[in-house]
N, C-alpha and C. Protein backbone atom coordinates (compact mmCIF):
# COMPACT_ATOMS: atom_id res chain seq x y z
N MET A 1 -64.01 -30.96 -62.53
CA MET A 1 -63.85 -32.43 -62.33
C MET A 1 -63.20 -32.14 -61.08
N LEU A 2 -62.21 -32.15 -61.15
CA LEU A 2 -61.28 -30.97 -59.50
C LEU A 2 -61.65 -29.65 -58.77
N ARG A 3 -63.11 -28.62 -59.07
CA ARG A 3 -64.17 -28.59 -58.39
C ARG A 3 -64.73 -28.74 -57.43
N ASP A 4 -64.72 -30.02 -58.45
CA ASP A 4 -65.46 -30.93 -57.00
C ASP A 4 -64.86 -32.02 -55.94
N VAL A 5 -63.34 -32.12 -55.81
CA VAL A 5 -62.83 -32.77 -55.24
C VAL A 5 -62.27 -31.38 -53.72
N THR A 6 -60.88 -30.73 -53.91
CA THR A 6 -61.53 -29.56 -53.65
C THR A 6 -62.20 -29.20 -52.79
N GLN A 7 -64.29 -28.96 -53.16
CA GLN A 7 -64.88 -28.10 -52.60
C GLN A 7 -64.85 -28.71 -50.96
N TRP A 8 -64.39 -30.22 -51.03
CA TRP A 8 -64.91 -30.75 -49.62
C TRP A 8 -63.35 -30.75 -48.61
N ARG A 9 -63.11 -29.26 -49.42
CA ARG A 9 -61.08 -29.69 -48.07
C ARG A 9 -61.72 -29.17 -46.81
N GLY A 10 -62.33 -28.17 -46.43
CA GLY A 10 -62.82 -27.85 -45.29
C GLY A 10 -63.86 -28.58 -44.41
N PRO A 11 -64.56 -29.03 -44.94
CA PRO A 11 -65.97 -29.74 -44.24
C PRO A 11 -64.83 -31.45 -43.68
N ARG A 12 -64.42 -31.50 -44.76
CA ARG A 12 -63.10 -32.71 -44.31
C ARG A 12 -61.83 -32.37 -42.82
N ALA A 13 -61.40 -30.99 -42.44
CA ALA A 13 -60.66 -30.73 -42.16
C ALA A 13 -61.24 -30.27 -40.55
N ALA A 14 -62.67 -30.08 -41.05
CA ALA A 14 -63.01 -29.69 -39.93
C ALA A 14 -63.96 -30.40 -38.83
N LEU A 15 -64.06 -31.51 -39.48
CA LEU A 15 -64.37 -32.75 -39.27
C LEU A 15 -63.38 -33.80 -38.61
N VAL A 16 -62.22 -33.39 -38.54
CA VAL A 16 -61.26 -33.50 -38.13
C VAL A 16 -60.97 -33.29 -36.56
N ALA A 17 -60.80 -32.19 -36.74
CA ALA A 17 -60.84 -31.00 -35.99
C ALA A 17 -61.67 -31.11 -34.52
N VAL A 18 -63.37 -31.58 -35.45
CA VAL A 18 -64.07 -31.92 -33.86
C VAL A 18 -63.74 -33.13 -33.79
N ALA A 19 -63.50 -34.32 -34.45
CA ALA A 19 -63.34 -35.85 -33.96
C ALA A 19 -62.27 -35.11 -32.42
N GLY A 20 -61.12 -34.62 -33.44
CA GLY A 20 -60.29 -34.87 -32.21
C GLY A 20 -60.43 -33.95 -30.63
N LEU A 21 -61.38 -33.27 -30.68
CA LEU A 21 -62.11 -32.98 -29.51
C LEU A 21 -62.91 -33.78 -28.55
N GLY A 22 -63.57 -34.72 -29.64
CA GLY A 22 -64.54 -35.36 -29.15
C GLY A 22 -63.68 -36.67 -28.46
N VAL A 23 -62.10 -36.82 -28.82
CA VAL A 23 -61.04 -37.58 -28.20
C VAL A 23 -60.92 -37.02 -26.51
N ILE A 24 -60.50 -35.73 -26.90
CA ILE A 24 -59.72 -34.68 -25.62
C ILE A 24 -61.47 -34.83 -24.24
N ALA A 25 -62.43 -34.40 -25.19
CA ALA A 25 -63.50 -35.46 -24.44
C ALA A 25 -63.71 -36.10 -23.59
N GLY A 26 -63.88 -37.05 -24.85
CA GLY A 26 -63.88 -38.81 -24.15
C GLY A 26 -62.32 -38.84 -23.48
N LEU A 27 -61.46 -38.66 -23.67
CA LEU A 27 -60.33 -38.50 -22.26
C LEU A 27 -60.83 -38.11 -21.13
N THR A 28 -61.75 -37.10 -20.57
CA THR A 28 -62.02 -36.61 -19.04
C THR A 28 -63.10 -37.08 -19.22
N LEU A 29 -63.56 -37.95 -19.82
CA LEU A 29 -65.18 -39.11 -18.73
C LEU A 29 -64.74 -40.23 -18.48
N ARG A 30 -65.50 -41.38 -17.90
CA ARG A 30 -64.90 -42.08 -17.82
C ARG A 30 -64.77 -42.75 -18.63
N THR A 31 -64.42 -44.02 -18.73
CA THR A 31 -63.74 -45.32 -19.34
C THR A 31 -63.73 -46.38 -19.78
N ALA A 32 -65.01 -46.59 -18.26
CA ALA A 32 -65.67 -47.88 -17.03
C ALA A 32 -66.36 -47.95 -16.56
N SER A 33 -67.56 -48.38 -16.29
CA SER A 33 -69.07 -47.86 -15.32
C SER A 33 -68.66 -48.72 -14.99
N PHE A 34 -68.46 -48.73 -13.18
CA PHE A 34 -68.56 -50.55 -11.91
C PHE A 34 -69.93 -49.31 -11.58
N PRO A 35 -70.19 -50.26 -10.80
CA PRO A 35 -71.53 -49.62 -9.41
C PRO A 35 -71.18 -49.23 -8.47
N ALA A 36 -70.37 -50.27 -7.57
CA ALA A 36 -69.64 -49.78 -6.61
C ALA A 36 -67.51 -50.29 -7.29
N ALA A 37 -67.72 -49.77 -5.57
CA ALA A 37 -66.28 -49.31 -5.48
C ALA A 37 -65.17 -51.11 -5.63
N LEU A 38 -64.59 -51.44 -6.18
CA LEU A 38 -63.86 -52.92 -6.54
C LEU A 38 -63.04 -52.82 -5.31
N PRO A 39 -62.87 -54.94 -5.08
CA PRO A 39 -62.60 -55.13 -3.97
C PRO A 39 -60.62 -54.64 -3.82
N PRO A 40 -59.61 -54.77 -3.55
CA PRO A 40 -58.37 -54.26 -3.61
C PRO A 40 -57.99 -55.69 -4.19
N GLY A 41 -56.94 -55.41 -5.52
CA GLY A 41 -56.26 -55.59 -6.02
C GLY A 41 -56.63 -56.59 -7.44
N THR A 42 -57.56 -56.36 -7.27
CA THR A 42 -58.89 -55.72 -8.66
C THR A 42 -57.93 -54.85 -9.98
N PRO A 43 -57.72 -54.72 -10.72
CA PRO A 43 -57.58 -53.84 -11.64
C PRO A 43 -58.01 -53.07 -12.53
N ASP A 44 -57.51 -51.82 -11.95
CA ASP A 44 -58.19 -50.60 -12.34
C ASP A 44 -58.64 -50.85 -13.96
N PRO A 45 -59.82 -50.33 -14.22
CA PRO A 45 -60.86 -50.43 -15.51
C PRO A 45 -60.19 -49.78 -15.89
N GLU A 46 -60.21 -48.21 -15.64
CA GLU A 46 -60.11 -47.19 -16.19
C GLU A 46 -59.58 -47.59 -17.46
N LEU A 47 -58.53 -46.45 -18.29
CA LEU A 47 -58.04 -46.22 -19.78
C LEU A 47 -56.50 -45.61 -18.87
N ASP A 48 -55.66 -47.31 -18.36
CA ASP A 48 -54.14 -45.46 -18.13
C ASP A 48 -54.03 -44.76 -18.36
N VAL A 49 -53.50 -43.83 -17.41
CA VAL A 49 -52.69 -42.34 -18.08
C VAL A 49 -51.79 -43.09 -19.54
N GLY A 50 -50.70 -43.45 -19.28
CA GLY A 50 -50.39 -44.17 -20.89
C GLY A 50 -50.90 -43.41 -22.80
N LEU A 51 -52.20 -44.30 -22.29
CA LEU A 51 -52.48 -44.81 -23.15
C LEU A 51 -53.75 -43.54 -23.16
N ARG A 52 -53.62 -42.58 -22.49
CA ARG A 52 -54.51 -41.65 -22.78
C ARG A 52 -53.34 -40.59 -23.22
N LEU A 53 -52.00 -40.63 -22.75
CA LEU A 53 -51.21 -39.88 -23.86
C LEU A 53 -51.15 -39.68 -24.79
N VAL A 54 -51.43 -41.21 -25.42
CA VAL A 54 -50.79 -41.70 -26.84
C VAL A 54 -52.22 -41.57 -27.40
N CYS A 55 -53.81 -40.99 -26.68
CA CYS A 55 -54.64 -40.20 -27.35
C CYS A 55 -53.72 -38.97 -27.41
N ALA A 56 -54.02 -38.32 -26.13
CA ALA A 56 -53.55 -36.94 -26.87
C ALA A 56 -52.37 -36.17 -27.06
N ALA A 57 -51.68 -37.51 -27.99
CA ALA A 57 -50.77 -37.26 -28.61
C ALA A 57 -51.72 -36.79 -30.44
N ALA A 58 -52.31 -38.29 -30.42
CA ALA A 58 -52.56 -38.18 -31.65
C ALA A 58 -53.38 -37.04 -31.81
N VAL A 59 -54.42 -36.87 -31.20
CA VAL A 59 -54.87 -35.07 -30.95
C VAL A 59 -53.98 -33.99 -31.74
N LEU A 60 -52.92 -33.80 -31.11
CA LEU A 60 -51.98 -32.80 -31.23
C LEU A 60 -51.33 -33.06 -33.13
N VAL A 61 -51.33 -34.35 -32.90
CA VAL A 61 -50.78 -34.09 -34.48
C VAL A 61 -52.01 -33.98 -35.80
N ALA A 62 -52.79 -34.86 -35.09
CA ALA A 62 -54.88 -34.16 -36.19
C ALA A 62 -55.04 -32.70 -36.36
N GLY A 63 -54.78 -32.69 -34.97
CA GLY A 63 -55.01 -30.57 -35.03
C GLY A 63 -53.93 -30.45 -36.32
N THR A 64 -52.88 -30.46 -36.04
CA THR A 64 -51.28 -29.87 -37.05
C THR A 64 -51.90 -30.40 -38.11
N LEU A 65 -51.92 -31.56 -38.48
CA LEU A 65 -52.92 -31.76 -39.82
C LEU A 65 -53.92 -30.89 -40.22
N ALA A 66 -54.74 -30.71 -39.87
CA ALA A 66 -56.37 -29.87 -40.43
C ALA A 66 -55.60 -28.66 -40.40
N TYR A 67 -54.84 -28.00 -39.47
CA TYR A 67 -54.43 -26.84 -39.71
C TYR A 67 -53.31 -26.62 -41.00
N LEU A 68 -52.43 -27.45 -41.18
CA LEU A 68 -51.54 -27.70 -42.80
C LEU A 68 -52.56 -27.77 -44.01
N THR A 69 -53.92 -28.32 -43.11
CA THR A 69 -53.75 -28.30 -44.53
C THR A 69 -55.45 -26.94 -45.47
N PHE A 70 -55.08 -26.25 -43.96
CA PHE A 70 -56.30 -24.90 -44.26
C PHE A 70 -55.10 -24.43 -44.58
N ALA A 71 -54.13 -24.47 -44.36
CA ALA A 71 -52.45 -23.43 -44.91
C ALA A 71 -52.03 -23.62 -45.66
N ARG A 72 -52.32 -24.79 -46.57
CA ARG A 72 -51.60 -25.17 -48.11
C ARG A 72 -52.74 -24.91 -48.70
N ARG A 73 -53.73 -25.22 -48.09
CA ARG A 73 -54.86 -25.61 -48.88
C ARG A 73 -54.69 -26.74 -50.37
N GLN A 74 -53.70 -27.78 -49.64
CA GLN A 74 -54.01 -29.48 -50.08
C GLN A 74 -54.37 -30.10 -49.53
N ASP A 75 -55.47 -31.43 -49.50
CA ASP A 75 -55.53 -32.73 -48.55
C ASP A 75 -54.38 -33.18 -48.18
N GLU A 76 -53.36 -33.56 -48.69
CA GLU A 76 -51.89 -33.89 -48.23
C GLU A 76 -51.77 -34.56 -47.12
N PRO A 77 -51.74 -33.60 -45.83
CA PRO A 77 -51.72 -32.82 -45.10
C PRO A 77 -53.15 -34.26 -44.02
N LEU A 78 -54.28 -33.64 -44.84
CA LEU A 78 -55.26 -34.28 -43.89
C LEU A 78 -55.25 -35.65 -44.62
N ALA A 79 -54.94 -36.39 -45.24
CA ALA A 79 -54.43 -37.48 -45.48
C ALA A 79 -54.12 -38.49 -44.68
N MET A 80 -52.98 -38.03 -43.99
CA MET A 80 -52.35 -38.19 -43.27
C MET A 80 -53.03 -39.10 -42.24
N ALA A 81 -54.06 -37.68 -42.31
CA ALA A 81 -55.18 -38.03 -40.15
C ALA A 81 -56.12 -38.88 -40.10
N CYS A 82 -55.46 -39.66 -41.01
CA CYS A 82 -56.45 -41.27 -40.89
C CYS A 82 -55.71 -42.22 -40.27
N LEU A 83 -53.93 -42.26 -39.86
CA LEU A 83 -53.08 -42.80 -38.70
C LEU A 83 -54.02 -42.08 -37.45
N PRO A 84 -53.82 -41.20 -36.98
CA PRO A 84 -53.80 -40.65 -35.46
C PRO A 84 -55.76 -41.27 -35.58
N GLY A 85 -56.05 -41.57 -36.17
CA GLY A 85 -57.77 -41.53 -35.85
C GLY A 85 -57.16 -43.63 -35.72
N LEU A 86 -56.68 -44.14 -36.90
CA LEU A 86 -56.43 -45.44 -36.16
C LEU A 86 -55.96 -45.76 -35.13
N VAL A 87 -54.40 -44.82 -34.52
CA VAL A 87 -54.41 -45.59 -33.58
C VAL A 87 -55.21 -44.57 -31.78
N VAL A 88 -56.36 -43.90 -32.32
CA VAL A 88 -57.21 -43.67 -31.20
C VAL A 88 -58.31 -45.05 -31.26
N THR A 89 -58.15 -44.91 -32.86
CA THR A 89 -59.17 -46.23 -31.92
C THR A 89 -58.85 -47.89 -32.05
N GLY A 90 -58.03 -47.79 -32.44
CA GLY A 90 -57.39 -49.59 -31.98
C GLY A 90 -56.39 -49.58 -30.08
N VAL A 91 -56.54 -48.15 -29.73
CA VAL A 91 -55.73 -47.80 -28.21
C VAL A 91 -57.50 -48.37 -27.58
N VAL A 92 -58.78 -48.02 -27.87
CA VAL A 92 -60.08 -47.63 -27.60
C VAL A 92 -60.44 -49.70 -28.12
N LEU A 93 -60.22 -49.67 -28.62
CA LEU A 93 -60.82 -51.28 -28.94
C LEU A 93 -60.22 -52.51 -27.73
N ARG A 94 -58.75 -51.92 -28.06
CA ARG A 94 -57.89 -52.49 -27.45
C ARG A 94 -58.22 -52.79 -25.73
N HIS A 95 -58.80 -51.10 -25.38
CA HIS A 95 -59.65 -51.42 -24.35
C HIS A 95 -60.82 -52.76 -24.00
N LEU A 96 -61.30 -51.96 -24.51
CA LEU A 96 -62.76 -52.41 -24.53
C LEU A 96 -62.56 -54.59 -24.36
N VAL A 97 -62.04 -54.39 -25.68
CA VAL A 97 -62.16 -56.71 -25.43
C VAL A 97 -60.82 -57.33 -25.49
N VAL A 98 -59.82 -56.64 -25.06
CA VAL A 98 -58.66 -56.50 -23.55
C VAL A 98 -58.80 -56.94 -21.85
N THR A 99 -59.12 -55.28 -22.03
CA THR A 99 -58.74 -54.41 -20.66
C THR A 99 -60.34 -55.21 -19.63
N LEU A 100 -61.96 -54.72 -20.06
CA LEU A 100 -62.98 -54.63 -20.01
C LEU A 100 -63.51 -55.74 -19.12
N PRO A 101 -62.57 -57.17 -20.47
CA PRO A 101 -62.98 -58.13 -19.37
C PRO A 101 -62.48 -58.84 -18.97
N GLY A 102 -61.26 -59.02 -19.15
CA GLY A 102 -60.59 -59.41 -18.89
C GLY A 102 -60.62 -58.46 -17.02
N VAL A 103 -61.15 -57.80 -16.77
CA VAL A 103 -61.46 -57.78 -14.92
C VAL A 103 -62.48 -58.18 -15.02
N ALA A 104 -63.36 -57.93 -15.43
CA ALA A 104 -64.21 -58.57 -15.30
C ALA A 104 -64.60 -60.44 -15.13
N ARG A 105 -63.18 -61.08 -14.93
CA ARG A 105 -62.85 -62.13 -15.40
C ARG A 105 -62.66 -62.28 -13.71
N PHE A 106 -61.89 -61.66 -13.56
CA PHE A 106 -60.83 -61.38 -12.48
C PHE A 106 -61.62 -61.32 -11.26
N GLN A 107 -63.09 -60.12 -11.31
CA GLN A 107 -63.48 -60.35 -10.56
C GLN A 107 -64.96 -59.84 -11.00
N PRO A 108 -66.27 -61.11 -11.32
CA PRO A 108 -67.39 -61.44 -11.61
C PRO A 108 -68.61 -60.01 -11.15
N ALA A 109 -68.34 -60.57 -10.05
CA ALA A 109 -69.27 -59.71 -8.84
C ALA A 109 -69.67 -57.83 -9.43
N ALA A 110 -68.10 -57.56 -10.27
CA ALA A 110 -67.83 -55.79 -10.16
C ALA A 110 -68.29 -55.87 -11.37
N ARG A 111 -69.32 -56.50 -12.24
CA ARG A 111 -69.77 -56.06 -13.29
C ARG A 111 -69.34 -54.55 -13.93
N VAL A 112 -68.43 -55.07 -14.82
CA VAL A 112 -67.62 -53.55 -15.61
C VAL A 112 -68.47 -53.28 -17.44
N VAL A 113 -68.34 -52.46 -16.82
CA VAL A 113 -68.48 -51.99 -18.41
C VAL A 113 -67.46 -50.72 -19.54
N PRO A 114 -68.31 -50.59 -20.62
CA PRO A 114 -67.40 -49.28 -21.08
C PRO A 114 -68.19 -48.20 -20.51
N GLY A 115 -67.58 -47.02 -20.24
CA GLY A 115 -68.04 -46.50 -20.20
C GLY A 115 -68.28 -45.18 -21.32
N ALA A 116 -69.13 -44.04 -21.17
CA ALA A 116 -69.44 -42.76 -22.11
C ALA A 116 -68.22 -42.18 -22.36
N GLY A 117 -66.68 -42.30 -21.98
CA GLY A 117 -65.29 -41.73 -22.73
C GLY A 117 -65.41 -42.82 -23.25
N ALA A 118 -65.31 -43.94 -22.92
CA ALA A 118 -64.59 -45.33 -24.11
C ALA A 118 -65.65 -45.10 -25.73
N TRP A 119 -67.16 -44.53 -25.67
CA TRP A 119 -67.73 -44.69 -26.77
C TRP A 119 -67.43 -43.61 -27.74
N VAL A 120 -67.40 -42.37 -27.06
CA VAL A 120 -66.51 -41.23 -27.44
C VAL A 120 -65.53 -41.29 -28.28
N LEU A 121 -64.51 -41.97 -27.70
CA LEU A 121 -62.96 -41.79 -28.05
C LEU A 121 -63.01 -42.69 -29.25
N LEU A 122 -64.40 -43.85 -28.97
CA LEU A 122 -64.27 -44.84 -30.64
C LEU A 122 -65.07 -43.80 -31.77
N ALA A 123 -65.82 -43.22 -31.03
CA ALA A 123 -66.70 -42.59 -32.37
C ALA A 123 -66.03 -41.91 -33.17
N SER A 124 -65.49 -40.39 -32.40
CA SER A 124 -64.25 -39.62 -32.75
C SER A 124 -62.59 -40.31 -33.76
N GLY A 125 -62.68 -41.55 -33.05
CA GLY A 125 -60.89 -42.23 -33.53
C GLY A 125 -60.93 -42.72 -35.41
N VAL A 126 -63.10 -43.55 -35.28
CA VAL A 126 -63.56 -43.66 -36.62
C VAL A 126 -63.73 -42.72 -36.82
N ALA A 127 -63.97 -40.98 -37.08
CA ALA A 127 -65.06 -40.36 -37.47
C ALA A 127 -63.53 -39.59 -38.05
N MET A 128 -62.22 -40.12 -37.57
CA MET A 128 -60.62 -38.96 -37.99
C MET A 128 -59.97 -39.92 -38.85
N THR A 129 -60.49 -41.06 -38.52
CA THR A 129 -59.74 -42.15 -40.07
C THR A 129 -60.69 -42.15 -41.60
N ALA A 130 -62.09 -41.96 -40.86
CA ALA A 130 -62.91 -41.70 -41.97
C ALA A 130 -62.81 -40.24 -42.90
N ALA A 131 -62.56 -39.51 -42.36
CA ALA A 131 -62.25 -37.85 -42.66
C ALA A 131 -60.60 -38.12 -43.98
N GLY A 132 -59.87 -39.04 -43.05
CA GLY A 132 -58.66 -39.11 -43.37
C GLY A 132 -58.34 -40.06 -44.84
N LEU A 133 -59.14 -40.69 -44.59
CA LEU A 133 -59.32 -41.39 -45.77
C LEU A 133 -59.62 -40.42 -47.23
N ALA A 134 -61.05 -40.31 -46.26
CA ALA A 134 -62.07 -39.63 -47.55
C ALA A 134 -61.02 -38.46 -47.99
N ALA A 135 -59.47 -37.75 -47.70
CA ALA A 135 -58.99 -36.56 -47.92
C ALA A 135 -57.94 -37.18 -49.20
N ALA A 136 -57.52 -38.93 -48.97
CA ALA A 136 -56.54 -39.92 -50.01
C ALA A 136 -56.98 -39.75 -51.10
N PHE A 137 -58.82 -39.84 -51.01
CA PHE A 137 -59.25 -40.95 -52.14
C PHE A 137 -59.38 -39.76 -52.66
N ALA A 138 -59.62 -37.93 -52.35
CA ALA A 138 -59.36 -37.22 -52.87
C ALA A 138 -58.79 -36.48 -53.29
N VAL A 139 -57.21 -36.32 -52.99
CA VAL A 139 -55.97 -36.42 -53.74
C VAL A 139 -55.85 -37.08 -54.91
N ARG A 140 -56.56 -38.68 -54.10
CA ARG A 140 -55.97 -39.52 -55.86
C ARG A 140 -57.10 -39.25 -56.71
N ARG A 141 -58.08 -38.42 -56.96
CA ARG A 141 -59.02 -38.11 -57.63
C ARG A 141 -58.63 -37.35 -58.53
N ALA A 142 -57.90 -36.38 -57.50
CA ALA A 142 -57.30 -35.43 -57.93
C ALA A 142 -56.09 -35.02 -59.20
N GLY A 143 -55.23 -37.00 -58.03
CA GLY A 143 -53.71 -36.36 -58.96
C GLY A 143 -53.89 -36.97 -60.43
């Protein structure tokens, strides 16, 4: 039984690393798409620099946890990867639910919609969270 739980440690850590790369890719893509230039005074619909830095810090934490999982051959560090995943997911969901509709209400003619970066960030955050939770369940089964 213990063999079954630990054999997936590598793929879970690799999933967290790939999701971290997805977050980095999502941070380089546009998080809002609008067809024309916005009129003066319209708030910028892109994810702001502070939240991008929070996502980048979450990736650094997740990468460190994935490295510790390989170095220590334990699932406990990887179980904590759900926290950076939740941070990234929360930041993007806030952006999608609060910021983009707010800009559209302020300037309805702008037709601001989520960009590719928002969807990549959301998928990467969810994948990171899922891998962390899977590692947590593996630790619980093994213990």
